[in-house]
Amino acid sequence: MLGKMSQNIFVLVMVLCMLMATLHARKIDDDISCSAESIPAVFMALYQCLPFLEGSPPATPSSDCCVGATNLFQKANTTYSRRYICQCIKNIVSAGVPLVSERAKQFPQLCHISEQVPIDPKIDCNS
């Protein structure tokens, strides 16, 4: 009798744990924020792009910029990772990195980047 009861309690606890994990996963998807540890990595991946994005010559991004951006954006292969990287970029731009919006729009095409994450401080990363 005690063995059967402990099995039932074990099953109940496992079901509750799965429900909590599901609810937690939904919360993460609904409320994505870029961690302080991730911002430097995202910034360094795009560091070579700053002159282009800020409007400095030349009128095209450097090959080093495109390589760094391509490597970063290749990691954006899920909705969650795209939203996460988007939020990091948004935080960086909002922190005072001057940005020429026309260049930011041209940037993915000029670097031949297929997995795109918008570079725009006004973007809603959850959409």
Protein backbone atom coordinates (compact mmCIF):
# COMPACT_ATOMS: atom_id res chain seq x y z
CA MET A 1 0.00 0.00 0.00
CA LEU A 2 2.78 2.44 0.89
CA GLY A 3 4.61 1.58 -2.36
CA LYS A 4 1.55 2.39 -4.48
CA MET A 5 1.00 5.69 -2.63
CA SER A 6 4.63 6.78 -3.10
CA GLN A 7 4.38 5.98 -6.82
CA ASN A 8 1.27 8.17 -7.10
CA ILE A 9 3.00 11.02 -5.25
CA PHE A 10 6.04 10.66 -7.50
CA VAL A 11 3.86 10.85 -10.64
CA LEU A 12 2.02 13.89 -9.26
CA VAL A 13 5.29 15.68 -8.48
CA MET A 14 6.62 14.92 -11.99
CA VAL A 15 3.45 16.29 -13.63
CA LEU A 16 3.68 19.46 -11.52
CA CYS A 17 7.35 19.87 -12.49
CA MET A 18 6.51 19.54 -16.19
CA LEU A 19 3.72 22.11 -15.84
CA MET A 20 6.05 24.54 -14.09
CA ALA A 21 8.72 24.07 -16.75
CA THR A 22 6.16 24.75 -19.50
CA LEU A 23 4.93 27.90 -17.78
CA HIS A 24 8.51 29.08 -17.23
CA ALA A 25 9.37 28.50 -20.91
CA ARG A 26 6.35 30.57 -21.97
CA LYS A 27 7.41 33.36 -19.63
CA ILE A 28 10.90 33.37 -21.16
CA ASP A 29 9.47 33.59 -24.69
CA ASP A 30 7.14 36.44 -23.71
CA ASP A 31 9.76 38.48 -21.82
CA ILE A 32 13.09 38.37 -23.59
CA SER A 33 15.83 40.57 -22.28
CA CYS A 34 19.48 40.59 -23.20
CA SER A 35 21.75 39.63 -20.32
CA ALA A 36 24.63 41.90 -19.34
CA GLU A 37 27.03 39.06 -20.17
CA SER A 38 25.77 38.87 -23.78
CA ILE A 39 26.01 42.54 -24.69
CA PRO A 40 29.85 42.57 -25.02
CA ALA A 41 29.78 39.49 -27.27
CA VAL A 42 27.16 41.02 -29.55
CA PHE A 43 28.98 44.36 -29.52
CA MET A 44 32.30 42.72 -30.44
CA ALA A 45 30.66 40.76 -33.27
CA LEU A 46 29.44 44.06 -34.75
CA TYR A 47 32.38 46.26 -33.68
CA GLN A 48 33.92 46.33 -37.16
CA CYS A 49 30.55 47.55 -38.48
CA LEU A 50 30.38 50.68 -36.33
CA PRO A 51 32.11 53.04 -38.79
CA PHE A 52 29.72 52.01 -41.55
CA LEU A 53 26.62 52.10 -39.32
CA GLU A 54 27.61 55.50 -37.90
CA GLY A 55 27.89 56.97 -41.41
CA SER A 56 31.68 57.12 -41.82
CA PRO A 57 33.32 56.30 -45.15
CA PRO A 58 33.39 54.04 -47.04
CA ALA A 59 29.80 53.68 -48.18
CA THR A 60 29.95 49.89 -47.82
CA PRO A 61 30.70 47.74 -44.76
CA SER A 62 34.16 46.20 -44.49
CA SER A 63 34.69 42.49 -45.07
CA ASP A 64 35.58 42.10 -41.36
CA CYS A 65 32.24 43.70 -40.49
CA CYS A 66 30.35 41.32 -42.75
CA VAL A 67 32.16 38.27 -41.38
CA GLY A 68 31.42 39.25 -37.76
CA ALA A 69 27.80 40.07 -38.51
CA THR A 70 27.31 36.88 -40.53
CA ASN A 71 28.73 34.79 -37.69
CA LEU A 72 26.46 36.51 -35.18
CA PHE A 73 23.33 36.32 -37.29
CA GLN A 74 23.91 32.65 -38.15
CA LYS A 75 23.30 32.03 -34.45
CA ALA A 76 19.87 33.62 -34.89
CA ASN A 77 18.35 30.40 -36.19
CA THR A 78 15.33 30.29 -33.89
CA THR A 79 12.68 32.84 -33.00
CA TYR A 80 14.06 33.04 -29.47
CA SER A 81 17.67 33.62 -30.58
CA ARG A 82 16.60 36.28 -33.14
CA ARG A 83 14.61 38.09 -30.44
CA TYR A 84 17.49 37.78 -27.97
CA ILE A 85 20.09 39.17 -30.38
CA CYS A 86 17.64 41.87 -31.48
CA GLN A 87 17.23 42.96 -27.86
CA CYS A 88 21.01 43.05 -27.34
CA ILE A 89 21.46 45.18 -30.46
CA LYS A 90 18.61 47.44 -29.36
CA ASN A 91 20.24 47.89 -25.94
CA ILE A 92 23.59 48.76 -27.55
CA VAL A 93 22.06 51.29 -29.95
CA SER A 94 19.88 52.78 -27.20
CA ALA A 95 22.98 53.24 -25.03
CA GLY A 96 24.20 55.96 -27.35
CA VAL A 97 25.78 54.37 -30.41
CA PRO A 98 24.93 56.86 -33.17
CA LEU A 99 23.26 55.09 -36.04
CA VAL A 100 22.43 56.14 -39.59
CA SER A 101 19.13 54.34 -40.10
CA GLU A 102 19.48 54.15 -43.90
CA ARG A 103 22.79 52.31 -43.54
CA ALA A 104 21.33 49.99 -40.93
CA LYS A 105 18.60 49.05 -43.41
CA GLN A 106 21.14 48.47 -46.22
CA PHE A 107 23.54 46.56 -44.02
CA PRO A 108 22.11 42.99 -44.29
CA GLN A 109 21.86 43.20 -48.08
CA LEU A 110 25.36 44.65 -48.50
CA CYS A 111 26.81 41.86 -46.34
CA HIS A 112 24.67 39.17 -48.02
CA ILE A 113 23.16 38.13 -44.70
CA SER A 114 20.09 35.94 -45.04
CA GLU A 115 19.29 35.52 -41.31
CA GLN A 116 18.47 39.09 -40.47
CA VAL A 117 18.07 40.73 -37.11
CA PRO A 118 16.95 44.36 -37.36
CA ILE A 119 19.29 47.10 -36.18
CA ASP A 120 16.82 49.70 -35.00
CA PRO A 121 16.37 51.20 -31.52
CA LYS A 122 12.62 51.53 -32.11
CA ILE A 123 11.95 47.93 -33.18
CA ASP A 124 9.76 45.62 -31.11
CA CYS A 125 11.99 42.55 -30.80
CA ASN A 126 9.05 40.40 -29.73
CA SER A 127 7.22 40.81 -33.03
